[in-house]
């Protein structure tokens, strides 16, 4: 995919989850894989969970991607825009991605846009630092999606084109339904 964009947006990717609980570690595994790619204008963080301090960290960026594992989401992952949630429900140890976005907007006058990347996992009821084979394949798809999107200065939302409830995940298509990026790059593109 070849694109030319004058100035890509700044992006932070925060992968979170517990790497000691098998596929719950998909978020940190994604962060590690993306960090190794050394993508331009991309900062990468990882942690066990989101905290209120993350609001300050994301406030300096145009876009924040919150990557976590999903127990029930579509394969290989679901990537969608998230909106600030100002009815903030949190403990002192954990907050939602929507709450982090709201705090960045309210406390730091940031305009950061937030996206959720929910990578489908399968093994959560065991202790261990190894991803299941299916989760590892889903992780590879998510990393490639981010790599190709960032290389063009774009982040796209993907949506199932599910026409009926009896299609398997391998039969489902993905469609670009919106994007962000440099203001001159608002033309949607299709995924594989």
C-alpha atoms as a PDB file:
ATOM      1  CA  UNK A   1       0.000   0.000   0.000  1.00  0.00           C
ATOM      2  CA  UNK A   2       1.616   3.258  -1.097  1.00  0.00           C
ATOM      3  CA  UNK A   3       0.510   6.579   0.356  1.00  0.00           C
ATOM      4  CA  UNK A   4       2.015  10.018   0.571  1.00  0.00           C
ATOM      5  CA  UNK A   5       1.065  12.235   3.454  1.00  0.00           C
ATOM      6  CA  UNK A   6       2.786  15.480   4.387  1.00  0.00           C
ATOM      7  CA  UNK A   7       2.717  15.166   8.157  1.00  0.00           C
ATOM      8  CA  UNK A   8       1.396  12.088   9.983  1.00  0.00           C
ATOM      9  CA  UNK A   9      -0.489  12.522  13.243  1.00  0.00           C
ATOM     10  CA  UNK A  10       1.063  11.634  16.558  1.00  0.00           C
ATOM     11  CA  UNK A  11      -0.138   8.337  17.954  1.00  0.00           C
ATOM     12  CA  UNK A  12       0.179   6.514  21.260  1.00  0.00           C
ATOM     13  CA  UNK A  13      -0.614   2.833  21.608  1.00  0.00           C
ATOM     14  CA  UNK A  14      -1.263   1.529  25.112  1.00  0.00           C
ATOM     15  CA  UNK A  15      -1.353  -2.256  25.431  1.00  0.00           C
ATOM     16  CA  UNK A  16      -2.725  -3.499  28.705  1.00  0.00           C
ATOM     17  CA  UNK A  17      -3.530  -6.816  30.347  1.00  0.00           C
ATOM     18  CA  UNK A  18      -1.935  -9.496  32.491  1.00  0.00           C
ATOM     19  CA  UNK A  19       0.804 -11.406  30.640  1.00  0.00           C
ATOM     20  CA  UNK A  20       0.777 -14.012  33.425  1.00  0.00           C
ATOM     21  CA  UNK A  21      -2.753 -15.120  32.466  1.00  0.00           C
ATOM     22  CA  UNK A  22      -2.096 -16.473  28.956  1.00  0.00           C
ATOM     23  CA  UNK A  23      -4.217 -14.634  26.362  1.00  0.00           C
ATOM     24  CA  UNK A  24      -4.974 -11.799  28.798  1.00  0.00           C
ATOM     25  CA  UNK A  25      -1.465 -10.677  27.865  1.00  0.00           C
ATOM     26  CA  UNK A  26      -2.420  -9.819  24.263  1.00  0.00           C
ATOM     27  CA  UNK A  27      -2.341  -6.054  24.958  1.00  0.00           C
ATOM     28  CA  UNK A  28       1.225  -6.022  26.309  1.00  0.00           C
ATOM     29  CA  UNK A  29       2.293  -8.478  23.571  1.00  0.00           C
ATOM     30  CA  UNK A  30       0.951  -6.086  20.935  1.00  0.00           C
ATOM     31  CA  UNK A  31       2.797  -3.187  22.579  1.00  0.00           C
ATOM     32  CA  UNK A  32       6.051  -5.159  22.522  1.00  0.00           C
ATOM     33  CA  UNK A  33       5.604  -6.136  18.851  1.00  0.00           C
ATOM     34  CA  UNK A  34       4.729  -2.602  17.742  1.00  0.00           C
ATOM     35  CA  UNK A  35       7.609  -1.130  19.751  1.00  0.00           C
ATOM     36  CA  UNK A  36       9.982  -3.474  17.895  1.00  0.00           C
ATOM     37  CA  UNK A  37       8.740  -2.059  14.560  1.00  0.00           C
ATOM     38  CA  UNK A  38       9.999   1.440  15.509  1.00  0.00           C
ATOM     39  CA  UNK A  39       7.167   3.141  13.624  1.00  0.00           C
ATOM     40  CA  UNK A  40       7.618   6.896  13.077  1.00  0.00           C
ATOM     41  CA  UNK A  41       5.534   9.236  15.254  1.00  0.00           C
ATOM     42  CA  UNK A  42       4.277   6.333  17.372  1.00  0.00           C
ATOM     43  CA  UNK A  43       4.776   6.054  21.125  1.00  0.00           C
ATOM     44  CA  UNK A  44       4.093   2.727  22.821  1.00  0.00           C
ATOM     45  CA  UNK A  45       3.255   2.002  26.453  1.00  0.00           C
ATOM     46  CA  UNK A  46       2.121  -1.129  28.258  1.00  0.00           C
ATOM     47  CA  UNK A  47       0.767  -1.939  31.673  1.00  0.00           C
ATOM     48  CA  UNK A  48      -1.449  -4.368  33.555  1.00  0.00           C
ATOM     49  CA  UNK A  49      -4.361  -1.925  33.514  1.00  0.00           C
ATOM     50  CA  UNK A  50      -5.284   1.637  32.626  1.00  0.00           C
ATOM     51  CA  UNK A  51      -4.780   4.291  35.309  1.00  0.00           C
ATOM     52  CA  UNK A  52      -5.725   7.942  35.723  1.00  0.00           C
ATOM     53  CA  UNK A  53      -2.109   8.875  34.948  1.00  0.00           C
ATOM     54  CA  UNK A  54      -2.691   7.634  31.393  1.00  0.00           C
ATOM     55  CA  UNK A  55      -4.894  10.697  30.781  1.00  0.00           C
ATOM     56  CA  UNK A  56      -1.838  12.950  31.016  1.00  0.00           C
ATOM     57  CA  UNK A  57       0.193  10.596  28.833  1.00  0.00           C
ATOM     58  CA  UNK A  58      -2.342  10.517  25.972  1.00  0.00           C
ATOM     59  CA  UNK A  59      -3.197  14.233  26.165  1.00  0.00           C
ATOM     60  CA  UNK A  60      -0.072  15.121  24.150  1.00  0.00           C
ATOM     61  CA  UNK A  61      -1.119  12.994  21.171  1.00  0.00           C
ATOM     62  CA  UNK A  62      -3.647  13.290  18.349  1.00  0.00           C
ATOM     63  CA  UNK A  63      -4.736   9.667  18.646  1.00  0.00           C
ATOM     64  CA  UNK A  64      -4.681   6.970  21.331  1.00  0.00           C
ATOM     65  CA  UNK A  65      -5.187   3.274  20.654  1.00  0.00           C
ATOM     66  CA  UNK A  66      -6.052   1.135  23.681  1.00  0.00           C
ATOM     67  CA  UNK A  67      -5.157  -2.502  22.973  1.00  0.00           C
ATOM     68  CA  UNK A  68      -6.527  -5.302  25.143  1.00  0.00           C
ATOM     69  CA  UNK A  69      -7.632  -8.899  24.828  1.00  0.00           C
ATOM     70  CA  UNK A  70     -11.240  -9.870  24.229  1.00  0.00           C
ATOM     71  CA  UNK A  71     -12.913 -13.044  25.421  1.00  0.00           C
ATOM     72  CA  UNK A  72     -15.894 -12.828  23.081  1.00  0.00           C
ATOM     73  CA  UNK A  73     -15.107 -10.386  20.272  1.00  0.00           C
ATOM     74  CA  UNK A  74     -14.842 -11.109  16.566  1.00  0.00           C
ATOM     75  CA  UNK A  75     -11.733 -12.769  15.136  1.00  0.00           C
ATOM     76  CA  UNK A  76      -9.036 -11.618  14.693  1.00  0.00           C
ATOM     77  CA  UNK A  77      -9.804  -8.283  16.384  1.00  0.00           C
ATOM     78  CA  UNK A  78     -12.291  -5.428  16.603  1.00  0.00           C
ATOM     79  CA  UNK A  79     -11.021  -1.894  16.063  1.00  0.00           C
ATOM     80  CA  UNK A  80     -13.453   0.923  16.727  1.00  0.00           C
ATOM     81  CA  UNK A  81     -13.698   4.512  17.836  1.00  0.00           C
ATOM     82  CA  UNK A  82     -14.418   5.090  21.507  1.00  0.00           C
ATOM     83  CA  UNK A  83     -16.066   8.176  22.948  1.00  0.00           C
ATOM     84  CA  UNK A  84     -15.240   9.939  26.214  1.00  0.00           C
ATOM     85  CA  UNK A  85     -17.312   8.709  29.149  1.00  0.00           C
ATOM     86  CA  UNK A  86     -17.638  11.479  31.677  1.00  0.00           C
ATOM     87  CA  UNK A  87     -19.621   9.438  34.176  1.00  0.00           C
ATOM     88  CA  UNK A  88     -16.305   8.125  35.359  1.00  0.00           C
ATOM     89  CA  UNK A  89     -16.533   4.868  37.272  1.00  0.00           C
ATOM     90  CA  UNK A  90     -13.149   3.766  38.513  1.00  0.00           C
ATOM     91  CA  UNK A  91     -11.164   2.597  41.486  1.00  0.00           C
ATOM     92  CA  UNK A  92      -7.814   4.074  42.349  1.00  0.00           C
ATOM     93  CA  UNK A  93      -6.198   1.212  40.420  1.00  0.00           C
ATOM     94  CA  UNK A  94      -8.140   0.903  37.161  1.00  0.00           C
ATOM     95  CA  UNK A  95     -10.201   3.010  34.763  1.00  0.00           C
ATOM     96  CA  UNK A  96     -11.835   2.409  31.382  1.00  0.00           C
ATOM     97  CA  UNK A  97     -10.381   3.687  28.111  1.00  0.00           C
ATOM     98  CA  UNK A  98     -13.460   5.926  27.735  1.00  0.00           C
ATOM     99  CA  UNK A  99     -12.750   7.470  31.139  1.00  0.00           C
ATOM    100  CA  UNK A 100      -9.078   8.041  30.253  1.00  0.00           C
ATOM    101  CA  UNK A 101     -10.151   9.892  27.088  1.00  0.00           C
ATOM    102  CA  UNK A 102     -12.653  11.995  29.089  1.00  0.00           C
ATOM    103  CA  UNK A 103     -10.016  12.937  31.654  1.00  0.00           C
ATOM    104  CA  UNK A 104      -7.543  13.901  28.912  1.00  0.00           C
ATOM    105  CA  UNK A 105     -10.186  16.160  27.370  1.00  0.00           C
ATOM    106  CA  UNK A 106     -11.388  17.676  30.643  1.00  0.00           C
ATOM    107  CA  UNK A 107      -8.186  17.963  32.661  1.00  0.00           C
ATOM    108  CA  UNK A 108      -5.647  18.712  29.928  1.00  0.00           C
ATOM    109  CA  UNK A 109      -7.810  20.409  27.286  1.00  0.00           C
ATOM    110  CA  UNK A 110      -6.765  17.703  24.838  1.00  0.00           C
ATOM    111  CA  UNK A 111      -8.561  16.792  21.611  1.00  0.00           C
ATOM    112  CA  UNK A 112      -7.083  13.271  21.502  1.00  0.00           C
ATOM    113  CA  UNK A 113      -9.268  10.737  19.690  1.00  0.00           C
ATOM    114  CA  UNK A 114      -9.517   7.253  21.160  1.00  0.00           C
ATOM    115  CA  UNK A 115      -9.765   3.827  19.582  1.00  0.00           C
ATOM    116  CA  UNK A 116     -10.177   0.389  21.056  1.00  0.00           C
ATOM    117  CA  UNK A 117      -8.296  -2.572  19.604  1.00  0.00           C
ATOM    118  CA  UNK A 118      -9.839  -5.707  21.129  1.00  0.00           C
ATOM    119  CA  UNK A 119      -7.780  -8.727  20.084  1.00  0.00           C
ATOM    120  CA  UNK A 120      -9.634 -12.020  20.368  1.00  0.00           C
ATOM    121  CA  UNK A 121      -8.097 -14.423  22.867  1.00  0.00           C
ATOM    122  CA  UNK A 122      -9.114 -17.956  23.807  1.00  0.00           C
ATOM    123  CA  UNK A 123      -7.235 -19.084  26.910  1.00  0.00           C
ATOM    124  CA  UNK A 124      -7.836 -17.011  30.039  1.00  0.00           C
ATOM    125  CA  UNK A 125      -8.373 -19.545  32.824  1.00  0.00           C
ATOM    126  CA  UNK A 126      -4.756 -20.621  33.251  1.00  0.00           C
ATOM    127  CA  UNK A 127      -1.571 -19.139  34.617  1.00  0.00           C
ATOM    128  CA  UNK A 128       1.273 -18.879  32.144  1.00  0.00           C
ATOM    129  CA  UNK A 129       3.016 -16.404  29.893  1.00  0.00           C
ATOM    130  CA  UNK A 130       2.343 -18.207  26.608  1.00  0.00           C
ATOM    131  CA  UNK A 131      -0.372 -17.101  24.198  1.00  0.00           C
ATOM    132  CA  UNK A 132      -2.645 -19.719  22.641  1.00  0.00           C
ATOM    133  CA  UNK A 133      -1.958 -20.436  18.965  1.00  0.00           C
ATOM    134  CA  UNK A 134      -5.198 -18.758  17.832  1.00  0.00           C
ATOM    135  CA  UNK A 135      -4.472 -15.669  19.964  1.00  0.00           C
ATOM    136  CA  UNK A 136      -0.945 -15.490  18.532  1.00  0.00           C
ATOM    137  CA  UNK A 137      -2.355 -15.505  14.985  1.00  0.00           C
ATOM    138  CA  UNK A 138      -4.882 -12.790  15.925  1.00  0.00           C
ATOM    139  CA  UNK A 139      -2.059 -10.748  17.434  1.00  0.00           C
ATOM    140  CA  UNK A 140      -0.085 -10.992  14.181  1.00  0.00           C
ATOM    141  CA  UNK A 141      -3.125  -9.693  12.253  1.00  0.00           C
ATOM    142  CA  UNK A 142      -3.548  -6.773  14.683  1.00  0.00           C
ATOM    143  CA  UNK A 143       0.136  -5.828  14.468  1.00  0.00           C
ATOM    144  CA  UNK A 144       0.019  -5.902  10.660  1.00  0.00           C
ATOM    145  CA  UNK A 145      -3.153  -3.770  10.689  1.00  0.00           C
ATOM    146  CA  UNK A 146      -1.443  -1.122  12.832  1.00  0.00           C
ATOM    147  CA  UNK A 147       1.790  -1.275  10.835  1.00  0.00           C
ATOM    148  CA  UNK A 148       0.046  -0.782   7.500  1.00  0.00           C
ATOM    149  CA  UNK A 149      -2.294   1.902   8.855  1.00  0.00           C
ATOM    150  CA  UNK A 150       0.524   3.877  10.475  1.00  0.00           C
ATOM    151  CA  UNK A 151       2.719   3.583   7.380  1.00  0.00           C
ATOM    152  CA  UNK A 152       0.072   5.611   5.520  1.00  0.00           C
ATOM    153  CA  UNK A 153      -0.685   7.941   8.441  1.00  0.00           C
ATOM    154  CA  UNK A 154      -4.142   6.471   8.846  1.00  0.00           C
ATOM    155  CA  UNK A 155      -6.094   4.595  11.460  1.00  0.00           C
ATOM    156  CA  UNK A 156      -9.250   2.961  10.162  1.00  0.00           C
ATOM    157  CA  UNK A 157     -12.256   1.485  11.881  1.00  0.00           C
ATOM    158  CA  UNK A 158     -13.199  -1.978  10.757  1.00  0.00           C
ATOM    159  CA  UNK A 159     -16.686  -3.362  10.897  1.00  0.00           C
ATOM    160  CA  UNK A 160     -18.121  -6.774  10.155  1.00  0.00           C
ATOM    161  CA  UNK A 161     -20.181  -6.956   7.008  1.00  0.00           C
ATOM    162  CA  UNK A 162     -22.149  -9.740   8.623  1.00  0.00           C
ATOM    163  CA  UNK A 163     -25.364 -10.227   6.671  1.00  0.00           C
ATOM    164  CA  UNK A 164     -26.660 -13.077   8.796  1.00  0.00           C
ATOM    165  CA  UNK A 165     -25.793 -14.616  12.144  1.00  0.00           C
ATOM    166  CA  UNK A 166     -24.657 -17.964  10.679  1.00  0.00           C
ATOM    167  CA  UNK A 167     -21.402 -16.900   9.017  1.00  0.00           C
ATOM    168  CA  UNK A 168     -18.166 -18.093  10.550  1.00  0.00           C
ATOM    169  CA  UNK A 169     -15.438 -15.600  11.405  1.00  0.00           C
ATOM    170  CA  UNK A 170     -13.449 -16.737   8.343  1.00  0.00           C
ATOM    171  CA  UNK A 171     -16.397 -15.820   6.097  1.00  0.00           C
ATOM    172  CA  UNK A 172     -16.797 -12.319   7.519  1.00  0.00           C
ATOM    173  CA  UNK A 173     -15.458  -9.383   5.566  1.00  0.00           C
ATOM    174  CA  UNK A 174     -14.096  -6.183   7.029  1.00  0.00           C
ATOM    175  CA  UNK A 175     -14.894  -2.787   5.714  1.00  0.00           C
ATOM    176  CA  UNK A 176     -13.330   0.593   6.357  1.00  0.00           C
ATOM    177  CA  UNK A 177     -16.100   2.746   7.788  1.00  0.00           C
ATOM    178  CA  UNK A 178     -14.191   5.828   8.899  1.00  0.00           C
ATOM    179  CA  UNK A 179     -10.692   7.060   9.383  1.00  0.00           C
ATOM    180  CA  UNK A 180      -8.574   9.702  10.946  1.00  0.00           C
ATOM    181  CA  UNK A 181      -5.254  11.044   9.909  1.00  0.00           C
ATOM    182  CA  UNK A 182      -3.807  14.093   8.301  1.00  0.00           C
ATOM    183  CA  UNK A 183      -6.672  16.423   7.216  1.00  0.00           C
ATOM    184  CA  UNK A 184      -5.735  15.976   3.548  1.00  0.00           C
ATOM    185  CA  UNK A 185      -6.008  12.188   3.786  1.00  0.00           C
ATOM    186  CA  UNK A 186      -9.716  11.630   4.315  1.00  0.00           C
ATOM    187  CA  UNK A 187     -10.206   9.096   1.504  1.00  0.00           C
ATOM    188  CA  UNK A 188     -11.301   5.681   2.869  1.00  0.00           C
ATOM    189  CA  UNK A 189      -9.403   2.602   1.812  1.00  0.00           C
ATOM    190  CA  UNK A 190     -10.327  -1.074   1.956  1.00  0.00           C
ATOM    191  CA  UNK A 191      -8.498  -3.752   3.886  1.00  0.00           C
ATOM    192  CA  UNK A 192      -7.604  -7.167   2.589  1.00  0.00           C
END
